[in-house]
Amino acid sequence: MFAPPAPDSTSPSAPPSSMFDNMPGYEGTLAGGGGGYLPPPMPVSPVQPPQPGPEQPHWNIPSITEDTARDAFTLYASSKCCYSKAPVKDGIITNMEAFNTYRYKLETFTESRSTQWAHEPYRGQPIDAYAQPPPGPWDISAKVPSFFQDSKEVIKVPYTSSVKPCHVCMGMGQKPCKNCAGSGNKVCWVCNGSGYRHGNGRCHSCNGRGRDNCHHCHGNGVMQCPTCHGKQQLLVYINLSIQWTNNCDDYVVEQSSGLQISNLSKVTGKELFRDSQYLVYPLMGFPDVSVVNAAQRLVGEHVSRFSQTARILQQRQIIELIPVTKVIYSWKGKSHIYFVYGNEFKVHTDNYPATCCCSVM
């Protein structure tokens, strides 16, 4: 039986971009059919003079008490199934030293826009292409979500909808079944195409034909086109994708306690300063020069990195004072160290002195 060629697995999944070549205001933004990056109408620039930074605080976070340090150590040991409680109960704290440190954080909340072709089976939806020029990508209004929270929205661009023959099935509404290559049947799996079983006995699965109807297409050799759902035509239009992104960077001042800076990313500190506006300015007058330098570097990097490809909607900078306490304790005649840090009194130690093996009974 003649079998039509199997469908090409590399057939296009979308209409060619040439369908949009004459769409006013969108020429070239869908090159290659995959969508295009759309820069904002104009780069952002500061619109107000620099503001003075935070004044030096007249206080420091007070050192934690021995009871607080011991309670934090108790919770830490209790959270580890293989840690003995003996060092917590019998250990003697011999020294505690505070190493408060600053963390500077800069957030830049941006909006970026891109366009992509889109399509759906045509079922009589309104057609409005060329009724009037469509609004530009940055002229389409969208409700901005809460600042500093990632979000996304997809909007169908008005006056871009038209009807085209389905590019997958060439307007036929159906495609050759790929499981039987369009023949409607396949070699019988029971007799392997011979038509017989166990000597001269006729195969009851295929009634001796050697072939069975394809169960995917029910013997028809064709299946409904998955793109147009058998409608033969597609409603083709432009989608505008809007992405709101909170871009964050931070800087933590080095401290000499021995605790790795990476540990501090898991905790919060006491907020000393918060500044939120359209564009923030680098800090001035802050007592720690390394924080001032980091703020100047990050603010400059954010404006340079994001203003050409997205619209900056809001910036926020925050300074926190993070408490770090180094605790030295003695247990069984040996000295050991652990750290208590952050508002959460989180504990870290590189070498807990009493671990045991767990067994499941």
Protein backbone atom coordinates (compact mmCIF):
# COMPACT_ATOMS: atom_id res chain seq x y z
CA MET A 1 0.00 0.00 0.00
CA PHE A 2 1.32 3.45 -0.85
CA ALA A 3 2.33 5.41 2.20
CA PRO A 4 2.70 9.22 2.13
CA PRO A 5 5.98 10.51 3.50
CA ALA A 6 6.19 10.78 7.26
CA PRO A 7 5.83 14.32 8.62
CA ASP A 8 9.06 16.21 8.94
CA SER A 9 9.99 16.56 12.60
CA THR A 10 11.77 19.80 11.77
CA SER A 11 8.68 21.52 10.35
CA PRO A 12 8.28 25.07 11.63
CA SER A 13 6.41 25.54 14.89
CA ALA A 14 5.38 29.09 14.05
CA PRO A 15 4.45 31.20 11.04
CA PRO A 16 7.37 32.84 9.23
CA SER A 17 8.28 36.30 10.42
CA SER A 18 7.49 37.69 6.96
CA MET A 19 3.86 37.72 8.02
CA PHE A 20 4.72 40.70 10.20
CA ASP A 21 7.09 42.49 7.86
CA ASN A 22 4.54 45.17 7.00
CA MET A 23 3.07 45.65 10.48
CA PRO A 24 3.43 49.40 11.17
CA GLY A 25 5.70 50.14 14.09
CA TYR A 26 6.96 46.55 14.39
CA GLU A 27 9.23 46.30 11.38
CA GLY A 28 12.31 44.32 12.32
CA THR A 29 11.25 43.66 15.91
CA LEU A 30 10.33 40.05 15.12
CA ALA A 31 13.33 39.19 12.96
CA GLY A 32 13.80 35.44 12.67
CA GLY A 33 10.36 34.82 14.09
CA GLY A 34 11.64 34.66 17.65
CA GLY A 35 10.86 38.09 18.98
CA GLY A 36 13.00 41.12 19.58
CA TYR A 37 14.46 43.13 22.44
CA LEU A 38 12.96 46.60 22.63
CA PRO A 39 15.02 49.36 24.25
CA PRO A 40 13.08 51.98 26.21
CA PRO A 41 12.25 55.24 24.44
CA MET A 42 15.14 57.11 26.05
CA PRO A 43 17.89 56.31 28.56
CA VAL A 44 17.17 57.32 32.12
CA SER A 45 19.29 60.00 33.80
CA PRO A 46 19.36 61.57 37.26
CA VAL A 47 16.87 64.38 37.67
CA GLN A 48 17.76 65.71 41.11
CA PRO A 49 20.98 66.68 42.91
CA PRO A 50 22.76 64.11 45.08
CA GLN A 51 21.39 63.70 48.57
CA PRO A 52 23.59 63.31 51.66
CA GLY A 53 24.05 59.78 52.90
CA PRO A 54 23.26 58.44 56.37
CA GLU A 55 24.94 59.99 59.35
CA GLN A 56 27.18 57.90 61.55
CA PRO A 57 25.02 56.08 64.08
CA HIS A 58 25.67 56.93 67.71
CA TRP A 59 25.24 53.34 68.82
CA ASN A 60 26.34 49.81 68.12
CA ILE A 61 24.45 46.58 68.49
CA PRO A 62 25.11 45.50 72.08
CA SER A 63 27.00 42.27 72.60
CA ILE A 64 24.82 39.26 73.28
CA THR A 65 24.76 37.71 76.74
CA GLU A 66 26.19 34.33 77.66
CA ASP A 67 22.66 33.01 78.12
CA THR A 68 21.75 34.06 74.57
CA ALA A 69 24.92 32.49 73.19
CA ARG A 70 24.26 29.25 75.08
CA ASP A 71 20.59 29.11 74.03
CA ALA A 72 21.58 29.59 70.39
CA PHE A 73 24.18 26.82 70.71
CA THR A 74 21.57 24.52 72.28
CA LEU A 75 19.16 25.02 69.38
CA TYR A 76 21.97 24.43 66.91
CA ALA A 77 23.03 21.14 68.50
CA SER A 78 19.40 20.00 68.81
CA SER A 79 18.88 20.48 65.09
CA LYS A 80 21.66 17.97 64.31
CA CYS A 81 20.67 14.34 64.76
CA CYS A 82 24.29 13.20 65.14
CA TYR A 83 25.44 15.87 67.60
CA SER A 84 25.79 15.03 71.27
CA LYS A 85 24.42 17.64 73.71
CA ALA A 86 27.39 17.21 76.06
CA PRO A 87 29.44 20.18 74.76
CA VAL A 88 26.40 22.41 75.21
CA LYS A 89 25.61 21.20 78.74
CA ASP A 90 29.14 20.86 80.08
CA GLY A 91 31.11 23.37 78.01
CA ILE A 92 32.29 26.56 79.76
CA ILE A 93 32.32 29.84 77.85
CA THR A 94 35.71 31.48 78.37
CA ASN A 95 35.48 34.48 76.03
CA MET A 96 33.03 36.35 73.78
CA GLU A 97 34.01 38.98 71.21
CA ALA A 98 31.72 41.10 69.02
CA PHE A 99 32.54 41.75 65.33
CA ASN A 100 29.71 43.85 63.96
CA THR A 101 29.82 44.41 60.20
CA TYR A 102 27.94 46.41 57.54
CA ARG A 103 26.03 45.09 54.54
CA TYR A 104 25.10 47.43 51.68
CA LYS A 105 22.33 46.30 49.31
CA LEU A 106 21.23 47.94 46.04
CA GLU A 107 18.02 46.97 44.24
CA THR A 108 17.05 48.26 40.79
CA PHE A 109 13.50 47.48 39.71
CA THR A 110 13.23 47.39 35.92
CA GLU A 111 10.65 46.84 33.20
CA SER A 112 11.71 45.22 29.92
CA ARG A 113 9.58 44.54 26.84
CA SER A 114 9.87 42.15 23.93
CA THR A 115 7.60 41.09 21.07
CA GLN A 116 6.89 37.63 19.69
CA TRP A 117 4.55 36.28 17.06
CA ALA A 118 1.73 34.12 18.41
CA HIS A 119 -1.08 32.10 16.89
CA GLU A 120 -4.15 30.07 17.78
CA PRO A 121 -6.74 28.10 15.80
CA TYR A 122 -9.09 30.45 13.98
CA ARG A 123 -12.65 30.05 15.25
CA GLY A 124 -14.12 33.33 14.06
CA GLN A 125 -12.26 35.67 16.41
CA PRO A 126 -12.22 39.38 15.46
CA ILE A 127 -9.67 40.40 12.82
CA ASP A 128 -8.32 43.92 13.26
CA ALA A 129 -4.96 44.05 11.44
CA TYR A 130 -4.48 47.30 9.49
CA ALA A 131 -7.77 48.73 10.76
CA GLN A 132 -5.50 51.38 12.23
CA PRO A 133 -1.83 51.53 13.21
CA PRO A 134 -1.12 49.40 16.28
CA PRO A 135 0.23 51.12 19.40
CA GLY A 136 3.99 51.01 19.84
CA PRO A 137 5.46 48.45 22.23
CA TRP A 138 6.18 51.10 24.87
CA ASP A 139 2.85 52.89 24.27
CA ILE A 140 0.77 49.95 25.54
CA SER A 141 -0.27 50.58 29.13
CA ALA A 142 0.24 47.90 31.76
CA LYS A 143 -0.35 47.95 35.49
CA VAL A 144 3.00 47.93 37.27
CA PRO A 145 3.06 45.38 40.11
CA SER A 146 4.43 46.15 43.55
CA PHE A 147 7.94 47.55 43.37
CA PHE A 148 10.87 45.18 43.90
CA GLN A 149 8.84 42.05 43.11
CA ASP A 150 9.42 40.00 39.95
CA SER A 151 6.39 39.66 37.69
CA LYS A 152 5.43 39.04 34.07
CA GLU A 153 2.50 39.86 31.79
CA VAL A 154 1.70 38.99 28.18
CA ILE A 155 -0.58 41.35 26.21
CA LYS A 156 -2.03 40.81 22.73
CA VAL A 157 -1.10 43.89 20.69
CA PRO A 158 -4.26 45.54 19.28
CA TYR A 159 -4.68 45.86 15.50
CA THR A 160 -2.23 43.05 14.66
CA SER A 161 -4.63 40.08 14.32
CA SER A 162 -5.01 38.48 10.89
CA VAL A 163 -5.92 35.07 9.47
CA LYS A 164 -3.38 32.86 7.70
CA PRO A 165 -3.44 29.28 6.41
CA CYS A 166 -1.93 26.91 8.92
CA HIS A 167 1.79 26.69 8.20
CA VAL A 168 2.11 23.20 9.70
CA CYS A 169 -0.51 21.34 7.67
CA MET A 170 -0.47 23.80 4.73
CA GLY A 171 -4.13 24.58 5.34
CA MET A 172 -5.28 20.95 5.10
CA GLY A 173 -6.38 20.61 8.71
CA GLN A 174 -4.71 17.22 9.01
CA LYS A 175 -1.30 15.59 8.73
CA PRO A 176 -0.07 12.10 7.87
CA CYS A 177 0.09 9.91 10.96
CA LYS A 178 3.73 9.72 12.03
CA ASN A 179 3.25 6.35 13.73
CA CYS A 180 2.24 4.51 10.55
CA ALA A 181 3.80 6.94 8.03
CA GLY A 182 0.32 7.67 6.68
CA SER A 183 -0.45 4.07 5.64
CA GLY A 184 -3.12 3.50 8.28
CA ASN A 185 -1.63 0.16 9.33
CA LYS A 186 1.50 -1.35 10.82
CA VAL A 187 3.19 -4.75 10.84
CA CYS A 188 1.34 -7.06 13.24
CA TRP A 189 3.34 -7.31 16.43
CA VAL A 190 2.01 -10.80 17.18
CA CYS A 191 3.04 -12.62 14.00
CA ASN A 192 5.65 -10.08 12.91
CA GLY A 193 3.93 -9.70 9.53
CA SER A 194 3.79 -13.36 8.56
CA GLY A 195 0.06 -13.80 9.12
CA TYR A 196 0.64 -17.13 10.90
CA ARG A 197 1.35 -18.37 14.38
CA HIS A 198 2.68 -21.70 15.60
CA GLY A 199 3.23 -23.33 12.27
CA ASN A 200 0.25 -23.11 9.91
CA GLY A 201 -2.19 -21.49 12.34
CA ARG A 202 -3.55 -18.18 11.13
CA CYS A 203 -2.80 -15.18 13.32
CA HIS A 204 -6.00 -14.15 15.08
CA SER A 205 -4.68 -10.68 15.89
CA CYS A 206 -4.50 -9.56 12.26
CA ASN A 207 -6.75 -12.26 10.74
CA GLY A 208 -3.84 -13.46 8.68
CA ARG A 209 -3.22 -10.13 6.98
CA GLY A 210 0.15 -9.58 8.64
CA ARG A 211 -0.77 -5.97 9.41
CA ASP A 212 -2.92 -4.27 12.03
CA ASN A 213 -4.76 -0.97 11.84
CA CYS A 214 -2.77 1.83 13.42
CA HIS A 215 -4.40 2.57 16.77
CA HIS A 216 -3.12 6.17 16.75
CA CYS A 217 -5.07 7.22 13.64
CA HIS A 218 -7.64 4.37 13.79
CA GLY A 219 -6.59 3.22 10.33
CA ASN A 220 -7.22 6.57 8.66
CA GLY A 221 -3.59 7.32 7.93
CA VAL A 222 -4.06 10.94 8.95
CA MET A 223 -4.52 12.81 12.20
CA GLN A 224 -5.91 16.20 13.10
CA CYS A 225 -3.31 18.93 12.84
CA PRO A 226 -2.18 19.74 16.40
CA THR A 227 -1.53 23.38 15.51
CA CYS A 228 -4.82 24.48 13.93
CA HIS A 229 -6.89 21.69 15.54
CA GLY A 230 -8.34 20.86 12.15
CA LYS A 231 -9.54 24.44 11.50
CA GLN A 232 -7.12 24.87 8.57
CA GLN A 233 -6.54 28.53 9.46
CA LEU A 234 -4.76 30.38 12.24
CA LEU A 235 -5.39 33.69 13.92
CA VAL A 236 -1.93 35.25 13.88
CA TYR A 237 -1.02 38.26 16.03
CA ILE A 238 1.78 39.91 17.98
CA ASN A 239 2.24 39.33 21.71
CA LEU A 240 3.96 41.87 23.90
CA SER A 241 5.82 40.29 26.83
CA ILE A 242 6.49 42.57 29.79
CA GLN A 243 8.97 41.46 32.43
CA TRP A 244 9.41 43.26 35.75
CA THR A 245 12.65 42.28 37.44
CA ASN A 246 14.21 43.19 40.77
CA ASN A 247 17.96 43.25 40.15
CA CYS A 248 19.93 42.96 43.40
CA ASP A 249 23.57 43.28 44.40
CA ASP A 250 25.14 43.63 47.81
CA TYR A 251 28.46 44.20 49.51
CA VAL A 252 29.50 42.99 52.96
CA VAL A 253 32.41 44.58 54.79
CA GLU A 254 35.17 42.14 55.66
CA GLN A 255 35.44 41.38 59.36
CA SER A 256 38.29 39.63 61.17
CA SER A 257 36.26 37.18 63.25
CA GLY A 258 37.02 34.19 61.03
CA LEU A 259 33.38 33.69 59.97
CA GLN A 260 33.02 33.44 56.20
CA ILE A 261 31.04 36.25 54.54
CA SER A 262 28.92 33.65 52.70
CA ASN A 263 27.30 32.73 56.02
CA LEU A 264 25.94 36.26 56.42
CA SER A 265 23.77 35.95 53.30
CA LYS A 266 21.42 33.72 55.32
CA VAL A 267 20.63 36.24 58.06
CA THR A 268 19.29 39.76 58.52
CA GLY A 269 20.76 42.66 60.45
CA LYS A 270 19.68 45.88 62.09
CA GLU A 271 18.63 48.34 59.39
CA LEU A 272 20.51 51.63 59.69
CA PHE A 273 19.54 53.36 56.45
CA ARG A 274 16.96 53.00 53.67
CA ASP A 275 16.61 55.19 50.60
CA SER A 276 14.06 54.49 47.84
CA GLN A 277 13.47 56.73 44.84
CA TYR A 278 13.45 56.77 41.06
CA LEU A 279 17.26 56.88 40.98
CA VAL A 280 19.31 56.74 44.14
CA TYR A 281 22.65 58.46 44.54
CA PRO A 282 25.80 56.96 46.03
CA LEU A 283 26.24 57.43 49.75
CA MET A 284 28.05 60.45 51.09
CA GLY A 285 29.37 60.87 54.60
CA PHE A 286 29.01 57.26 55.72
CA PRO A 287 31.75 56.39 58.25
CA ASP A 288 32.95 53.20 56.53
CA VAL A 289 34.82 54.17 53.35
CA SER A 290 34.53 50.67 51.86
CA VAL A 291 30.71 50.94 51.96
CA VAL A 292 30.83 54.35 50.26
CA ASN A 293 33.11 52.99 47.53
CA ALA A 294 30.91 49.91 47.03
CA ALA A 295 27.79 52.08 46.77
CA GLN A 296 29.38 54.32 44.14
CA ARG A 297 30.51 51.30 42.13
CA LEU A 298 27.18 49.44 42.30
CA VAL A 299 25.01 52.48 41.53
CA GLY A 300 27.10 53.26 38.47
CA GLU A 301 27.07 49.62 37.32
CA HIS A 302 23.29 49.32 37.68
CA VAL A 303 22.50 52.45 35.67
CA SER A 304 24.95 51.45 32.96
CA ARG A 305 23.80 47.83 32.84
CA PHE A 306 20.03 48.26 32.91
CA SER A 307 19.13 51.66 31.45
CA GLN A 308 19.93 50.72 27.85
CA THR A 309 17.87 47.53 27.73
CA ALA A 310 15.09 48.24 30.21
CA ARG A 311 13.22 51.04 31.89
CA ILE A 312 14.32 51.71 35.45
CA LEU A 313 11.23 52.29 37.58
CA GLN A 314 12.65 52.51 41.09
CA GLN A 315 15.84 51.97 43.07
CA ARG A 316 16.40 51.18 46.72
CA GLN A 317 19.55 51.07 48.83
CA ILE A 318 19.78 49.67 52.34
CA ILE A 319 22.52 49.47 54.96
CA GLU A 320 22.34 46.86 57.71
CA LEU A 321 24.53 46.33 60.74
CA ILE A 322 24.96 42.59 61.21
CA PRO A 323 26.02 41.33 64.64
CA VAL A 324 28.68 38.63 64.75
CA THR A 325 29.83 37.18 68.08
CA LYS A 326 32.78 34.84 68.35
CA VAL A 327 32.33 32.47 71.30
CA ILE A 328 35.25 30.52 72.75
CA TYR A 329 34.38 27.69 75.14
CA SER A 330 36.23 24.91 76.92
CA TRP A 331 35.13 21.27 76.94
CA LYS A 332 37.12 18.31 78.21
CA GLY A 333 40.20 20.47 78.59
CA LYS A 334 40.22 21.70 75.00
CA SER A 335 39.24 25.07 73.54
CA HIS A 336 36.58 25.30 70.81
CA ILE A 337 34.90 28.10 68.82
CA TYR A 338 31.47 28.83 67.46
CA PHE A 339 29.85 31.94 66.02
CA VAL A 340 26.44 33.51 66.73
CA TYR A 341 25.38 35.98 64.05
CA GLY A 342 22.44 37.91 62.63
CA ASN A 343 19.14 38.91 64.16
CA GLU A 344 18.21 35.23 64.03
CA PHE A 345 21.13 34.23 66.33
CA LYS A 346 22.23 31.67 63.80
CA VAL A 347 25.16 29.46 64.83
CA HIS A 348 28.13 28.22 62.80
CA THR A 349 31.04 26.06 63.87
CA ASP A 350 33.69 24.37 61.74
CA ASN A 351 34.39 21.54 64.16
CA TYR A 352 31.76 20.37 66.62
CA PRO A 353 33.64 18.27 69.20
CA ALA A 354 31.07 15.51 69.85
CA THR A 355 29.35 13.71 66.98
CA CYS A 356 27.95 10.21 66.87
CA CYS A 357 26.63 7.76 64.30
CA CYS A 358 22.87 7.49 63.81
CA SER A 359 21.15 4.15 63.40
CA VAL A 360 17.58 3.39 62.39
CA MET A 361 15.90 0.79 64.59
